[in-house]
Amino acid sequence: ESQRTAFLLCKQWTLYSVTPLYKFSSALLKDYAKLLSASIAAEKQKGLAVEVGVELDIKAVISILPDLRHSDRDQAAILVQLSTRSSFSKKNSAEKLIWSGWFCCVSEDDLSENLLEDFTCLPLFLANGAETYTSIVGSWFQKTFDCCFRRLTISPLNLSWMAAMWTGCKVDKTTSATELVFSVSCLPYPLDISYAIHTEDAKALWDTVQKTPGEITQEEVDIFMDCLYSHFHRHFKIHLSTMRLVKVSTAIASAHCDGSVKFLQSQYLTGVLMLLTELALSQIQ
């Protein structure tokens, strides 16, 4: 497990799609970090508080995450981190990481082939930290590289695919169950139904459904979900198929319809990112 990517695990990341960046250069990351730090300082001077309490010096660091690629054709992932040190702290005191975000493009296709010159394709952006910082960083990138950020939501159909795909993955050890969360509509108050299945049982079911290992079809996903619905109805007389799937949690990762994900297994990180990259690209196109 790479130490450079280990910190990405077990954190809640908010997803965004990003249009291609104009005249972005990986050779100028240090210069970009200085400009971003200055931009954050300018926002503070305008009276837009980015932290409650004492005055804080915020420093931006932008670096490359070389391990997050499907192939050499993929653009290297770009990590953006904001750290702070209180003005009352000693100069040699450790900096505190307060926000992280990263751009990536993990794809089976060579996306640079159809890209205009001077544009860099990093369609997926993930953020962890206060939305205030996400807004400031996103605004700076949009103004500097003429790109556009949009929140990336996940449809129930895509969540069902994630449930099937991640259930079929082999893991050495897990203590968590596969969980599906459904939202009940047409009620005067919010109500969710959580459906937990032993990971081994869920995988055994998927193995009976999947016809060709390594390949998944919509028909197989539908059969897998229908079997889960039938089992739940047999016990509780509730039709989950009439409700909206809003969250999927497995030993591999978890995902919510609002566009938040959590990665749990490093060996499947690029595989999950490939699926999320496809979703981001479909929103841009």
Protein backbone atom coordinates (compact mmCIF):
# COMPACT_ATOMS: atom_id res chain seq x y z
CA GLU A 1 0.00 0.00 0.00
CA SER A 2 1.47 3.30 -1.07
CA GLN A 3 1.98 5.77 1.74
CA ARG A 4 1.14 8.52 -0.74
CA THR A 5 -2.41 7.22 -1.17
CA ALA A 6 -3.09 5.55 2.20
CA PHE A 7 -4.50 8.79 3.62
CA LEU A 8 -7.27 8.70 1.01
CA LEU A 9 -8.86 5.70 2.71
CA CYS A 10 -11.64 5.82 5.33
CA LYS A 11 -12.38 9.52 4.77
CA GLN A 12 -15.60 11.01 3.46
CA TRP A 13 -14.99 12.62 0.06
CA THR A 14 -17.44 14.89 -1.76
CA LEU A 15 -17.51 14.43 -5.54
CA TYR A 16 -17.39 17.08 -8.25
CA SER A 17 -17.09 16.94 -12.02
CA VAL A 18 -14.65 19.37 -13.64
CA THR A 19 -14.41 20.52 -17.24
CA PRO A 20 -10.91 20.48 -18.85
CA LEU A 21 -8.39 22.91 -17.38
CA TYR A 22 -6.96 25.47 -19.81
CA LYS A 23 -3.17 25.94 -19.83
CA PHE A 24 -2.61 23.92 -16.68
CA SER A 25 0.98 22.67 -16.24
CA SER A 26 2.17 20.04 -13.77
CA ALA A 27 5.57 21.73 -13.86
CA LEU A 28 4.19 24.85 -12.18
CA LEU A 29 2.54 23.33 -9.11
CA LYS A 30 4.70 25.28 -6.63
CA ASP A 31 3.81 28.55 -8.36
CA TYR A 32 0.11 27.63 -8.31
CA ALA A 33 0.33 26.85 -4.58
CA LYS A 34 1.78 30.31 -3.87
CA LEU A 35 -0.96 31.98 -5.89
CA LEU A 36 -3.67 29.94 -4.17
CA SER A 37 -2.24 30.80 -0.73
CA ALA A 38 -2.28 34.47 -1.69
CA SER A 39 -5.86 34.17 -2.93
CA ILE A 40 -6.99 32.66 0.39
CA ALA A 41 -5.21 35.44 2.27
CA ALA A 42 -6.99 38.01 0.09
CA GLU A 43 -10.35 36.43 0.90
CA LYS A 44 -9.56 36.81 4.59
CA GLN A 45 -8.71 40.47 4.07
CA LYS A 46 -12.16 40.97 2.54
CA GLY A 47 -13.65 39.79 5.82
CA LEU A 48 -14.71 36.38 4.55
CA ALA A 49 -13.80 34.25 7.55
CA VAL A 50 -12.43 30.84 6.65
CA GLU A 51 -11.92 29.78 10.27
CA VAL A 52 -13.69 30.71 13.48
CA GLY A 53 -11.52 32.01 16.31
CA VAL A 54 -7.90 33.12 16.22
CA GLU A 55 -6.22 34.42 13.10
CA LEU A 56 -4.61 31.58 11.19
CA ASP A 57 -2.00 31.49 8.48
CA ILE A 58 -3.19 29.14 5.73
CA LYS A 59 -0.70 27.54 3.38
CA ALA A 60 -1.56 25.71 0.18
CA VAL A 61 0.52 22.82 -1.14
CA ILE A 62 -0.12 21.28 -4.57
CA SER A 63 1.59 18.02 -5.52
CA ILE A 64 1.29 14.96 -7.75
CA LEU A 65 -0.21 11.59 -6.75
CA PRO A 66 1.51 9.34 -9.33
CA ASP A 67 -0.03 6.05 -8.16
CA LEU A 68 -3.62 6.92 -9.11
CA ARG A 69 -3.56 5.84 -12.75
CA HIS A 70 -5.04 2.99 -14.75
CA SER A 71 -2.28 3.35 -17.35
CA ASP A 72 0.49 5.74 -18.38
CA ARG A 73 -1.99 7.47 -20.68
CA ASP A 74 -3.91 8.84 -17.69
CA GLN A 75 -3.08 12.31 -16.46
CA ALA A 76 -1.37 12.15 -13.06
CA ALA A 77 -3.66 12.98 -10.14
CA ILE A 78 -3.15 16.38 -8.51
CA LEU A 79 -3.42 16.78 -4.73
CA VAL A 80 -4.30 20.11 -3.11
CA GLN A 81 -3.83 20.49 0.65
CA LEU A 82 -4.46 23.40 2.98
CA SER A 83 -2.65 23.51 6.31
CA THR A 84 -2.56 26.09 9.05
CA ARG A 85 -0.49 27.26 11.95
CA SER A 86 -1.86 29.63 14.57
CA SER A 87 -0.24 33.05 14.72
CA PHE A 88 0.34 32.38 18.43
CA SER A 89 2.23 29.15 17.75
CA LYS A 90 5.99 28.82 17.57
CA LYS A 91 7.54 29.01 14.12
CA ASN A 92 8.79 25.43 14.32
CA SER A 93 5.46 23.99 15.45
CA ALA A 94 3.79 21.39 13.25
CA GLU A 95 1.26 22.52 10.67
CA LYS A 96 -2.29 21.20 10.92
CA LEU A 97 -3.95 19.83 7.79
CA ILE A 98 -7.43 21.38 7.55
CA TRP A 99 -8.59 20.54 4.01
CA SER A 100 -7.70 18.20 1.14
CA GLY A 101 -8.86 17.91 -2.43
CA TRP A 102 -7.61 16.07 -5.49
CA PHE A 103 -8.16 15.94 -9.22
CA CYS A 104 -7.88 12.64 -11.04
CA CYS A 105 -8.60 10.86 -14.30
CA VAL A 106 -8.61 7.06 -14.14
CA SER A 107 -9.92 5.73 -17.44
CA GLU A 108 -9.54 2.81 -19.82
CA ASP A 109 -9.67 5.23 -22.76
CA ASP A 110 -7.06 7.72 -23.87
CA LEU A 111 -9.02 10.92 -23.22
CA SER A 112 -6.23 13.15 -24.55
CA GLU A 113 -6.90 12.02 -28.15
CA ASN A 114 -10.03 14.15 -28.53
CA LEU A 115 -8.80 17.00 -26.32
CA LEU A 116 -7.90 20.38 -27.77
CA GLU A 117 -4.35 21.62 -27.35
CA ASP A 118 -3.55 23.42 -24.06
CA PHE A 119 -6.34 21.57 -22.20
CA THR A 120 -5.81 19.04 -19.39
CA CYS A 121 -8.52 16.50 -18.60
CA LEU A 122 -8.94 15.86 -14.85
CA PRO A 123 -12.73 15.37 -14.75
CA LEU A 124 -13.11 14.06 -11.19
CA PHE A 125 -12.48 16.20 -8.11
CA LEU A 126 -12.84 14.94 -4.53
CA ALA A 127 -12.85 17.17 -1.45
CA ASN A 128 -12.59 16.48 2.28
CA GLY A 129 -13.07 19.36 4.68
CA ALA A 130 -15.15 22.48 5.22
CA GLU A 131 -17.26 23.61 2.26
CA THR A 132 -15.87 27.12 2.73
CA TYR A 133 -12.43 25.95 1.67
CA THR A 134 -13.86 23.87 -1.16
CA SER A 135 -15.62 26.98 -2.48
CA ILE A 136 -12.49 29.13 -2.26
CA VAL A 137 -10.24 26.53 -3.92
CA GLY A 138 -12.83 25.74 -6.58
CA SER A 139 -13.34 29.43 -7.40
CA TRP A 140 -9.59 29.94 -7.75
CA PHE A 141 -9.21 27.00 -10.14
CA GLN A 142 -12.21 28.12 -12.17
CA LYS A 143 -10.85 31.64 -12.59
CA THR A 144 -7.26 30.54 -13.21
CA PHE A 145 -7.88 27.67 -15.64
CA ASP A 146 -11.27 28.60 -17.13
CA CYS A 147 -12.93 25.40 -15.92
CA CYS A 148 -16.25 24.66 -14.23
CA PHE A 149 -16.98 22.63 -11.07
CA ARG A 150 -20.31 20.86 -10.51
CA ARG A 151 -21.46 18.64 -7.67
CA LEU A 152 -21.56 15.05 -8.86
CA THR A 153 -24.58 13.11 -7.65
CA ILE A 154 -25.08 9.35 -8.02
CA SER A 155 -28.32 7.90 -9.38
CA PRO A 156 -30.07 4.85 -7.87
CA LEU A 157 -29.20 2.93 -11.06
CA ASN A 158 -25.50 3.65 -10.61
CA LEU A 159 -25.73 2.78 -6.92
CA SER A 160 -27.20 -0.62 -7.79
CA TRP A 161 -24.27 -1.20 -10.17
CA MET A 162 -21.86 -0.30 -7.37
CA ALA A 163 -23.61 -2.72 -5.03
CA ALA A 164 -23.23 -5.56 -7.53
CA MET A 165 -19.68 -4.74 -8.63
CA TRP A 166 -18.28 -4.24 -5.14
CA THR A 167 -20.10 -7.27 -3.76
CA GLY A 168 -18.34 -9.41 -6.35
CA CYS A 169 -14.86 -8.25 -5.28
CA LYS A 170 -12.74 -10.55 -3.15
CA VAL A 171 -11.37 -9.21 0.14
CA ASP A 172 -9.04 -11.00 2.55
CA LYS A 173 -10.88 -9.94 5.68
CA THR A 174 -13.90 -7.81 6.48
CA THR A 175 -16.09 -7.26 9.51
CA SER A 176 -18.61 -5.01 7.80
CA ALA A 177 -21.87 -6.11 6.21
CA THR A 178 -23.16 -5.08 2.82
CA GLU A 179 -25.78 -2.42 3.48
CA LEU A 180 -28.36 -0.80 1.22
CA VAL A 181 -30.29 2.25 2.38
CA PHE A 182 -33.64 3.15 0.78
CA SER A 183 -35.57 6.38 1.09
CA VAL A 184 -39.33 6.12 1.57
CA SER A 185 -41.22 8.83 -0.31
CA CYS A 186 -44.81 10.05 -0.04
CA LEU A 187 -44.60 10.49 3.72
CA PRO A 188 -44.98 13.69 5.74
CA TYR A 189 -41.66 12.92 7.45
CA PRO A 190 -38.35 11.50 6.20
CA LEU A 191 -37.92 7.75 6.59
CA ASP A 192 -35.07 5.48 5.50
CA ILE A 193 -34.93 1.70 5.52
CA SER A 194 -31.57 0.04 6.05
CA TYR A 195 -31.07 -3.45 4.59
CA ALA A 196 -27.92 -5.24 5.80
CA ILE A 197 -26.69 -8.53 4.32
CA HIS A 198 -23.73 -10.64 5.43
CA THR A 199 -20.91 -9.96 2.98
CA GLU A 200 -20.39 -13.69 2.34
CA ASP A 201 -24.10 -14.20 1.60
CA ALA A 202 -24.21 -11.22 -0.76
CA LYS A 203 -21.17 -12.49 -2.67
CA ALA A 204 -22.58 -16.02 -2.85
CA LEU A 205 -25.76 -14.59 -4.39
CA TRP A 206 -23.80 -12.53 -6.90
CA ASP A 207 -21.70 -15.55 -7.88
CA THR A 208 -24.90 -17.40 -8.82
CA VAL A 209 -26.08 -14.45 -10.92
CA GLN A 210 -22.92 -13.47 -12.77
CA LYS A 211 -22.45 -15.52 -15.92
CA THR A 212 -19.00 -14.36 -17.08
CA PRO A 213 -16.39 -13.47 -14.44
CA GLY A 214 -14.96 -10.00 -15.05
CA GLU A 215 -18.01 -8.89 -17.05
CA ILE A 216 -21.23 -7.39 -15.73
CA THR A 217 -24.47 -6.70 -17.58
CA GLN A 218 -27.50 -4.65 -16.66
CA GLU A 219 -29.57 -7.84 -16.66
CA GLU A 220 -27.29 -9.39 -14.02
CA VAL A 221 -27.48 -6.28 -11.85
CA ASP A 222 -31.29 -6.28 -12.12
CA ILE A 223 -31.50 -9.98 -11.16
CA PHE A 224 -29.17 -9.44 -8.20
CA MET A 225 -31.25 -6.54 -6.89
CA ASP A 226 -34.55 -8.37 -7.52
CA CYS A 227 -33.32 -11.32 -5.46
CA LEU A 228 -32.49 -8.98 -2.59
CA TYR A 229 -35.91 -7.31 -2.90
CA SER A 230 -37.70 -10.68 -2.88
CA HIS A 231 -35.83 -11.85 0.20
CA PHE A 232 -36.67 -8.63 2.07
CA HIS A 233 -40.33 -8.80 1.04
CA ARG A 234 -40.60 -12.41 2.16
CA HIS A 235 -39.57 -11.41 5.68
CA PHE A 236 -41.06 -7.92 6.08
CA LYS A 237 -43.76 -7.65 3.39
CA ILE A 238 -42.20 -4.39 2.15
CA HIS A 239 -41.54 -3.69 -1.54
CA LEU A 240 -38.10 -2.05 -1.65
CA SER A 241 -38.32 -1.86 -5.44
CA THR A 242 -40.88 0.97 -5.06
CA MET A 243 -38.41 3.02 -3.01
CA ARG A 244 -35.32 5.00 -3.89
CA LEU A 245 -31.88 3.52 -3.27
CA VAL A 246 -29.81 6.31 -1.68
CA LYS A 247 -26.74 4.61 -0.22
CA VAL A 248 -24.58 1.54 -0.72
CA SER A 249 -21.96 0.33 1.76
CA THR A 250 -19.67 -2.62 1.11
CA ALA A 251 -16.24 -3.82 2.21
CA ILE A 252 -14.77 -2.08 -0.86
CA ALA A 253 -16.32 1.37 -0.55
CA SER A 254 -19.49 3.25 0.32
CA ALA A 255 -21.36 5.77 -1.79
CA HIS A 256 -24.32 8.09 -1.20
CA CYS A 257 -26.65 9.57 -3.79
CA ASP A 258 -25.65 13.10 -2.69
CA GLY A 259 -22.21 12.50 -4.18
CA SER A 260 -20.13 11.41 -1.22
CA VAL A 261 -17.88 8.34 -1.14
CA LYS A 262 -15.54 6.54 1.22
CA PHE A 263 -12.76 4.22 0.02
CA LEU A 264 -12.06 1.25 2.27
CA GLN A 265 -9.71 -1.06 0.31
CA SER A 266 -6.51 0.27 -1.26
CA GLN A 267 -6.25 -2.53 -3.83
CA TYR A 268 -9.60 -1.52 -5.36
CA LEU A 269 -9.00 2.24 -5.22
CA THR A 270 -8.23 2.72 -8.91
CA GLY A 271 -11.16 0.49 -9.90
CA VAL A 272 -13.61 2.61 -7.92
CA LEU A 273 -12.05 5.80 -9.30
CA MET A 274 -12.48 4.47 -12.84
CA LEU A 275 -16.23 4.16 -12.28
CA LEU A 276 -16.43 7.61 -10.69
CA THR A 277 -14.41 9.11 -13.56
CA GLU A 278 -16.98 7.70 -16.01
CA LEU A 279 -19.79 9.33 -14.02
CA ALA A 280 -17.95 12.66 -14.00
CA LEU A 281 -17.32 12.50 -17.75
CA SER A 282 -20.98 11.68 -18.45
CA GLN A 283 -22.01 14.83 -16.59
CA ILE A 284 -19.54 17.01 -18.51
CA GLN A 285 -20.49 15.70 -21.97
